């Protein structure tokens, strides 16, 4: 059943209520979208932290293997220097990946990354606190 309001003051009041309800719905949609974006950002930071942790663990394991191989050579057991070289090259790649993840994490935190040295700086810095080069805001 539909009500028809014929009185002018009531029509004006009803229109104001309808406008307010539409405004409230719009605010709620915008708020929900903002919460969703914050959740996605938090998930991205958490994922990066996990990947950083896993990379650090893998680097430690690989360096432990290198250390054990060197110690075995010291004790007189033959070691394959080619295998050690492969492990070290693998670790170099892991470290590069680790640094890229750290830069991405710092960017998500709102830090400015220096293009010259890779140092992380607060967003209000004009010059890198590590090397002194001008920071770009692009």
N, C-alpha and C. Protein backbone atom coordinates (compact mmCIF):
# COMPACT_ATOMS: atom_id res chain seq x y z
N UNK A 1 0.85 -1.16 0.00
CA UNK A 1 0.00 0.00 0.00
C UNK A 1 0.90 1.23 0.00
N UNK A 2 0.58 2.19 -0.81
CA UNK A 2 1.37 3.40 -0.95
C UNK A 2 0.61 4.56 -0.35
N UNK A 3 1.31 5.34 0.46
CA UNK A 3 0.70 6.51 1.07
C UNK A 3 1.01 7.72 0.22
N UNK A 4 0.02 8.52 0.02
CA UNK A 4 0.20 9.76 -0.72
C UNK A 4 0.04 10.90 0.28
N UNK A 5 1.09 11.69 0.38
CA UNK A 5 1.06 12.81 1.31
C UNK A 5 0.73 14.06 0.51
N UNK A 6 -0.42 14.67 0.88
CA UNK A 6 -0.87 15.82 0.11
C UNK A 6 -0.49 17.13 0.75
N UNK A 7 -0.22 17.11 2.03
CA UNK A 7 0.11 18.35 2.71
C UNK A 7 1.54 18.74 2.38
N UNK A 8 1.74 20.00 2.06
CA UNK A 8 3.05 20.51 1.68
C UNK A 8 4.11 20.33 2.77
N UNK A 9 3.86 20.69 4.01
CA UNK A 9 4.89 20.51 5.03
C UNK A 9 5.28 19.05 5.20
N UNK A 10 4.30 18.13 5.12
CA UNK A 10 4.63 16.73 5.28
C UNK A 10 5.42 16.20 4.08
N UNK A 11 5.07 16.67 2.89
CA UNK A 11 5.80 16.27 1.69
C UNK A 11 7.26 16.71 1.80
N UNK A 12 7.48 17.93 2.25
CA UNK A 12 8.83 18.47 2.42
C UNK A 12 9.59 17.66 3.47
N UNK A 13 8.92 17.33 4.56
CA UNK A 13 9.52 16.54 5.62
C UNK A 13 9.87 15.13 5.13
N UNK A 14 8.95 14.53 4.37
CA UNK A 14 9.17 13.19 3.84
C UNK A 14 10.34 13.20 2.84
N UNK A 15 10.42 14.23 2.00
CA UNK A 15 11.51 14.33 1.04
C UNK A 15 12.85 14.50 1.76
N UNK A 16 12.86 15.29 2.83
CA UNK A 16 14.08 15.48 3.62
C UNK A 16 14.53 14.18 4.26
N UNK A 17 13.57 13.40 4.76
CA UNK A 17 13.90 12.11 5.36
C UNK A 17 14.46 11.14 4.32
N UNK A 18 13.85 11.14 3.14
CA UNK A 18 14.34 10.27 2.07
C UNK A 18 15.75 10.67 1.64
N UNK A 19 16.01 11.98 1.52
CA UNK A 19 17.35 12.46 1.16
C UNK A 19 18.37 12.07 2.23
N UNK A 20 17.98 12.20 3.48
CA UNK A 20 18.88 11.84 4.58
C UNK A 20 19.19 10.36 4.55
N UNK A 21 18.18 9.53 4.27
CA UNK A 21 18.40 8.09 4.19
C UNK A 21 19.36 7.75 3.04
N UNK A 22 19.21 8.41 1.90
CA UNK A 22 20.11 8.17 0.77
C UNK A 22 21.53 8.61 1.11
N UNK A 23 21.66 9.76 1.80
CA UNK A 23 22.98 10.24 2.22
C UNK A 23 23.62 9.24 3.18
N UNK A 24 22.84 8.74 4.12
CA UNK A 24 23.36 7.78 5.10
C UNK A 24 23.81 6.50 4.40
N UNK A 25 23.04 6.04 3.43
CA UNK A 25 23.41 4.83 2.69
C UNK A 25 24.70 5.06 1.93
N UNK A 26 24.85 6.24 1.36
CA UNK A 26 26.08 6.56 0.62
C UNK A 26 27.29 6.58 1.55
N UNK A 27 27.11 7.16 2.73
CA UNK A 27 28.20 7.21 3.71
C UNK A 27 28.57 5.80 4.15
N UNK A 28 27.57 4.96 4.36
CA UNK A 28 27.84 3.57 4.76
C UNK A 28 28.58 2.81 3.67
N UNK A 29 28.20 3.00 2.41
CA UNK A 29 28.90 2.35 1.30
C UNK A 29 30.35 2.80 1.24
N UNK A 30 30.57 4.10 1.38
CA UNK A 30 31.93 4.63 1.35
C UNK A 30 32.74 4.09 2.53
N UNK A 31 32.13 4.02 3.69
CA UNK A 31 32.82 3.47 4.87
C UNK A 31 33.18 2.01 4.68
N UNK A 32 32.26 1.25 4.13
CA UNK A 32 32.52 -0.17 3.89
C UNK A 32 33.65 -0.35 2.88
N UNK A 33 33.67 0.48 1.86
CA UNK A 33 34.74 0.40 0.86
C UNK A 33 36.08 0.74 1.49
N UNK A 34 36.10 1.76 2.37
CA UNK A 34 37.34 2.15 3.04
C UNK A 34 37.84 1.02 3.94
N UNK A 35 36.93 0.38 4.66
CA UNK A 35 37.32 -0.74 5.52
C UNK A 35 37.87 -1.88 4.66
N UNK A 36 37.25 -2.12 3.52
CA UNK A 36 37.74 -3.15 2.61
C UNK A 36 39.15 -2.85 2.12
N UNK A 37 39.40 -1.60 1.75
CA UNK A 37 40.74 -1.21 1.29
C UNK A 37 41.77 -1.37 2.41
N UNK A 38 41.40 -1.00 3.62
CA UNK A 38 42.32 -1.15 4.76
C UNK A 38 42.60 -2.62 5.02
N UNK A 39 41.59 -3.45 4.89
CA UNK A 39 41.78 -4.88 5.08
C UNK A 39 42.72 -5.47 4.03
N UNK A 40 42.55 -5.03 2.79
CA UNK A 40 43.44 -5.51 1.72
C UNK A 40 44.87 -5.06 1.97
N UNK A 41 45.06 -3.82 2.41
CA UNK A 41 46.40 -3.32 2.70
C UNK A 41 47.02 -4.10 3.86
N UNK A 42 46.24 -4.38 4.89
CA UNK A 42 46.75 -5.13 6.03
C UNK A 42 47.14 -6.55 5.59
N UNK A 43 46.32 -7.15 4.74
CA UNK A 43 46.64 -8.49 4.24
C UNK A 43 47.92 -8.46 3.42
N UNK A 44 48.10 -7.44 2.60
CA UNK A 44 49.32 -7.32 1.79
C UNK A 44 50.54 -7.19 2.68
N UNK A 45 50.44 -6.37 3.72
CA UNK A 45 51.58 -6.22 4.64
C UNK A 45 51.87 -7.53 5.37
N UNK A 46 50.84 -8.22 5.80
CA UNK A 46 51.02 -9.49 6.49
C UNK A 46 51.65 -10.53 5.56
N UNK A 47 51.19 -10.59 4.33
CA UNK A 47 51.75 -11.53 3.34
C UNK A 47 53.23 -11.23 3.12
N UNK A 48 53.57 -9.94 2.99
CA UNK A 48 54.97 -9.57 2.79
C UNK A 48 55.82 -9.94 4.00
N UNK A 49 55.30 -9.69 5.19
CA UNK A 49 56.05 -10.06 6.40
C UNK A 49 56.32 -11.56 6.43
N UNK A 50 55.34 -12.35 6.04
CA UNK A 50 55.51 -13.81 6.02
C UNK A 50 56.56 -14.21 4.98
N UNK A 51 56.49 -13.60 3.79
CA UNK A 51 57.46 -13.92 2.75
C UNK A 51 58.87 -13.48 3.16
N UNK A 52 58.99 -12.34 3.82
CA UNK A 52 60.28 -11.87 4.32
C UNK A 52 60.84 -12.87 5.32
N UNK A 53 59.99 -13.31 6.24
CA UNK A 53 60.41 -14.29 7.25
C UNK A 53 60.87 -15.58 6.57
N UNK A 54 60.10 -16.06 5.61
CA UNK A 54 60.45 -17.31 4.93
C UNK A 54 61.76 -17.18 4.17
N UNK A 55 61.98 -16.04 3.52
CA UNK A 55 63.24 -15.82 2.80
C UNK A 55 64.42 -15.79 3.76
N UNK A 56 64.26 -15.13 4.89
CA UNK A 56 65.33 -15.10 5.88
C UNK A 56 65.66 -16.50 6.38
N UNK A 57 64.62 -17.29 6.62
CA UNK A 57 64.83 -18.67 7.06
C UNK A 57 65.59 -19.48 6.01
N UNK A 58 65.21 -19.33 4.76
CA UNK A 58 65.87 -20.07 3.67
C UNK A 58 67.33 -19.64 3.53
N UNK A 59 67.59 -18.35 3.65
CA UNK A 59 68.98 -17.86 3.59
C UNK A 59 69.79 -18.48 4.72
N UNK A 60 69.24 -18.47 5.92
CA UNK A 60 69.95 -19.05 7.06
C UNK A 60 70.25 -20.53 6.85
N UNK A 61 69.28 -21.27 6.31
CA UNK A 61 69.50 -22.70 6.05
C UNK A 61 70.60 -22.91 5.02
N UNK A 62 70.59 -22.11 3.97
CA UNK A 62 71.60 -22.25 2.92
C UNK A 62 72.99 -21.89 3.44
N UNK A 63 73.07 -20.83 4.24
CA UNK A 63 74.37 -20.45 4.80
C UNK A 63 74.86 -21.49 5.79
N UNK A 64 73.95 -22.13 6.49
CA UNK A 64 74.33 -23.21 7.38
C UNK A 64 74.94 -24.36 6.57
N UNK A 65 74.35 -24.68 5.44
CA UNK A 65 74.88 -25.73 4.57
C UNK A 65 76.28 -25.37 4.07
N UNK A 66 76.50 -24.10 3.73
CA UNK A 66 77.82 -23.66 3.30
C UNK A 66 78.82 -23.82 4.44
N UNK A 67 78.41 -23.38 5.62
CA UNK A 67 79.29 -23.50 6.78
C UNK A 67 79.65 -24.94 7.09
N UNK A 68 78.68 -25.83 6.99
CA UNK A 68 78.95 -27.25 7.24
C UNK A 68 79.91 -27.82 6.20
N UNK A 69 79.77 -27.39 4.96
CA UNK A 69 80.65 -27.86 3.90
C UNK A 69 82.08 -27.36 4.12
N UNK A 70 82.21 -26.12 4.52
CA UNK A 70 83.55 -25.57 4.79
C UNK A 70 84.17 -26.27 5.99
N UNK A 71 83.38 -26.52 7.01
CA UNK A 71 83.91 -27.20 8.18
C UNK A 71 84.34 -28.63 7.83
N UNK A 72 83.53 -29.29 7.00
CA UNK A 72 83.87 -30.65 6.57
C UNK A 72 85.20 -30.64 5.82
N UNK A 73 85.43 -29.63 4.99
CA UNK A 73 86.70 -29.52 4.27
C UNK A 73 87.84 -29.30 5.26
N UNK A 74 87.60 -28.51 6.28
CA UNK A 74 88.61 -28.26 7.31
C UNK A 74 88.97 -29.56 8.03
N UNK A 75 87.99 -30.41 8.24
CA UNK A 75 88.21 -31.68 8.95
C UNK A 75 88.80 -32.76 8.03
N UNK A 76 89.00 -32.43 6.76
CA UNK A 76 89.63 -33.38 5.85
C UNK A 76 88.68 -34.11 4.93
N UNK A 77 87.39 -33.85 5.06
CA UNK A 77 86.42 -34.47 4.14
C UNK A 77 86.40 -33.67 2.85
N UNK A 78 86.40 -34.38 1.73
CA UNK A 78 86.36 -33.65 0.46
C UNK A 78 85.03 -32.90 0.31
N UNK A 79 85.12 -31.72 -0.24
CA UNK A 79 83.89 -30.96 -0.51
C UNK A 79 83.90 -30.51 -1.95
N UNK A 80 82.75 -30.29 -2.45
CA UNK A 80 82.59 -29.86 -3.83
C UNK A 80 82.46 -28.33 -3.84
N UNK A 81 83.52 -27.65 -4.27
CA UNK A 81 83.49 -26.18 -4.27
C UNK A 81 82.45 -25.65 -5.27
N UNK A 82 82.17 -26.43 -6.28
CA UNK A 82 81.14 -26.01 -7.25
C UNK A 82 79.76 -25.97 -6.59
N UNK A 83 79.51 -26.91 -5.71
CA UNK A 83 78.23 -26.95 -4.99
C UNK A 83 78.12 -25.75 -4.05
N UNK A 84 79.22 -25.43 -3.37
CA UNK A 84 79.23 -24.27 -2.48
C UNK A 84 78.96 -23.00 -3.29
N UNK A 85 79.59 -22.90 -4.45
CA UNK A 85 79.39 -21.72 -5.31
C UNK A 85 77.92 -21.62 -5.74
N UNK A 86 77.30 -22.74 -6.08
CA UNK A 86 75.88 -22.73 -6.46
C UNK A 86 75.00 -22.26 -5.31
N UNK A 87 75.30 -22.73 -4.12
CA UNK A 87 74.51 -22.32 -2.95
C UNK A 87 74.65 -20.82 -2.72
N UNK A 88 75.89 -20.33 -2.82
CA UNK A 88 76.11 -18.89 -2.60
C UNK A 88 75.41 -18.04 -3.65
N UNK A 89 75.40 -18.49 -4.89
CA UNK A 89 74.68 -17.76 -5.94
C UNK A 89 73.18 -17.78 -5.68
N UNK A 90 72.67 -18.90 -5.20
CA UNK A 90 71.26 -19.01 -4.83
C UNK A 90 70.94 -18.04 -3.70
N UNK A 91 71.84 -17.96 -2.70
CA UNK A 91 71.66 -17.03 -1.58
C UNK A 91 71.66 -15.58 -2.08
N UNK A 92 72.52 -15.27 -3.05
CA UNK A 92 72.53 -13.91 -3.62
C UNK A 92 71.16 -13.57 -4.20
N UNK A 93 70.56 -14.51 -4.92
CA UNK A 93 69.22 -14.29 -5.48
C UNK A 93 68.17 -14.13 -4.40
N UNK A 94 68.27 -14.94 -3.35
CA UNK A 94 67.33 -14.82 -2.23
C UNK A 94 67.45 -13.46 -1.56
N UNK A 95 68.67 -12.98 -1.40
CA UNK A 95 68.88 -11.67 -0.76
C UNK A 95 68.28 -10.54 -1.61
N UNK A 96 68.42 -10.64 -2.92
CA UNK A 96 67.82 -9.63 -3.81
C UNK A 96 66.31 -9.63 -3.66
N UNK A 97 65.74 -10.82 -3.65
CA UNK A 97 64.29 -10.95 -3.47
C UNK A 97 63.86 -10.40 -2.11
N UNK A 98 64.65 -10.69 -1.08
CA UNK A 98 64.37 -10.21 0.27
C UNK A 98 64.37 -8.69 0.31
N UNK A 99 65.35 -8.07 -0.31
CA UNK A 99 65.42 -6.60 -0.32
C UNK A 99 64.25 -5.99 -1.09
N UNK A 100 63.85 -6.62 -2.19
CA UNK A 100 62.69 -6.13 -2.94
C UNK A 100 61.43 -6.19 -2.08
N UNK A 101 61.26 -7.27 -1.33
CA UNK A 101 60.10 -7.40 -0.45
C UNK A 101 60.14 -6.35 0.67
N UNK A 102 61.32 -6.11 1.20
CA UNK A 102 61.43 -5.11 2.25
C UNK A 102 61.09 -3.71 1.73
N UNK A 103 61.54 -3.41 0.51
CA UNK A 103 61.20 -2.09 -0.09
C UNK A 103 59.69 -1.98 -0.30
N UNK A 104 59.08 -3.04 -0.78
CA UNK A 104 57.63 -3.03 -0.99
C UNK A 104 56.90 -2.85 0.34
N UNK A 105 57.35 -3.54 1.38
CA UNK A 105 56.75 -3.41 2.70
C UNK A 105 56.89 -1.98 3.22
N UNK A 106 58.07 -1.41 3.05
CA UNK A 106 58.29 -0.04 3.51
C UNK A 106 57.42 0.95 2.75
N UNK A 107 57.23 0.71 1.47
CA UNK A 107 56.35 1.57 0.67
C UNK A 107 54.92 1.47 1.17
N UNK A 108 54.46 0.26 1.48
CA UNK A 108 53.11 0.08 2.03
C UNK A 108 52.97 0.77 3.38
N UNK A 109 54.05 0.87 4.11
CA UNK A 109 54.02 1.58 5.40
C UNK A 109 54.03 3.09 5.23
N UNK A 110 54.16 3.56 3.99
CA UNK A 110 54.16 5.00 3.74
C UNK A 110 55.54 5.63 3.77
N UNK A 111 56.57 4.81 3.74
CA UNK A 111 57.93 5.33 3.74
C UNK A 111 58.37 5.62 2.31
N UNK A 112 59.26 6.60 2.17
CA UNK A 112 59.82 6.91 0.86
C UNK A 112 61.12 6.14 0.71
N UNK A 113 61.28 5.47 -0.42
CA UNK A 113 62.47 4.69 -0.67
C UNK A 113 63.39 5.51 -1.57
N UNK A 114 64.61 5.68 -1.13
CA UNK A 114 65.60 6.45 -1.89
C UNK A 114 65.98 5.69 -3.15
N UNK A 115 65.87 6.33 -4.32
CA UNK A 115 66.24 5.64 -5.55
C UNK A 115 67.75 5.42 -5.68
N UNK A 116 68.53 6.20 -4.94
CA UNK A 116 69.98 6.08 -5.04
C UNK A 116 70.53 4.94 -4.19
N UNK A 117 70.10 4.86 -2.92
CA UNK A 117 70.69 3.85 -2.02
C UNK A 117 69.70 2.83 -1.52
N UNK A 118 68.40 3.05 -1.73
CA UNK A 118 67.38 2.10 -1.26
C UNK A 118 66.98 2.30 0.18
N UNK A 119 67.48 3.35 0.83
CA UNK A 119 67.15 3.61 2.23
C UNK A 119 65.69 4.00 2.40
N UNK A 120 65.09 3.61 3.51
CA UNK A 120 63.70 3.95 3.82
C UNK A 120 63.69 5.24 4.64
N UNK A 121 62.83 6.18 4.24
CA UNK A 121 62.75 7.48 4.88
C UNK A 121 61.30 7.82 5.20
N UNK A 122 61.12 8.61 6.26
CA UNK A 122 59.77 9.08 6.60
C UNK A 122 59.22 9.91 5.44
N UNK A 123 57.91 9.99 5.36
CA UNK A 123 57.28 10.67 4.24
C UNK A 123 57.50 12.18 4.25
N UNK A 124 57.93 12.75 5.38
CA UNK A 124 58.15 14.19 5.44
C UNK A 124 59.60 14.58 5.11
N UNK A 125 60.44 13.61 4.82
CA UNK A 125 61.85 13.89 4.50
C UNK A 125 61.98 14.39 3.07
N UNK A 126 62.80 15.40 2.87
CA UNK A 126 63.10 15.89 1.53
C UNK A 126 64.35 15.23 0.97
N UNK A 127 65.26 14.83 1.88
CA UNK A 127 66.51 14.20 1.47
C UNK A 127 66.66 12.88 2.21
N UNK A 128 67.33 11.94 1.58
CA UNK A 128 67.54 10.62 2.16
C UNK A 128 68.39 10.75 3.42
N UNK A 129 67.95 10.09 4.46
CA UNK A 129 68.68 10.10 5.72
C UNK A 129 69.91 9.19 5.67
N UNK A 130 70.01 8.36 4.65
CA UNK A 130 71.16 7.47 4.51
C UNK A 130 72.27 8.10 3.66
N UNK A 131 71.89 8.63 2.49
CA UNK A 131 72.92 9.11 1.56
C UNK A 131 72.83 10.61 1.25
N UNK A 132 71.75 11.26 1.64
CA UNK A 132 71.63 12.71 1.44
C UNK A 132 71.08 13.13 0.09
N UNK A 133 70.77 12.19 -0.78
CA UNK A 133 70.20 12.54 -2.09
C UNK A 133 68.76 13.00 -1.94
N UNK A 134 68.33 13.85 -2.89
CA UNK A 134 66.95 14.36 -2.88
C UNK A 134 65.99 13.19 -3.13
N UNK A 135 64.88 13.17 -2.40
CA UNK A 135 63.87 12.13 -2.55
C UNK A 135 62.80 12.60 -3.52
N UNK A 136 62.36 11.74 -4.38
CA UNK A 136 61.29 12.09 -5.31
C UNK A 136 59.96 11.67 -4.72
N UNK A 137 58.94 12.39 -5.06
CA UNK A 137 57.59 12.12 -4.54
C UNK A 137 56.70 11.57 -5.65
N UNK A 138 57.28 11.04 -6.71
CA UNK A 138 56.52 10.59 -7.88
C UNK A 138 56.01 9.28 -7.77
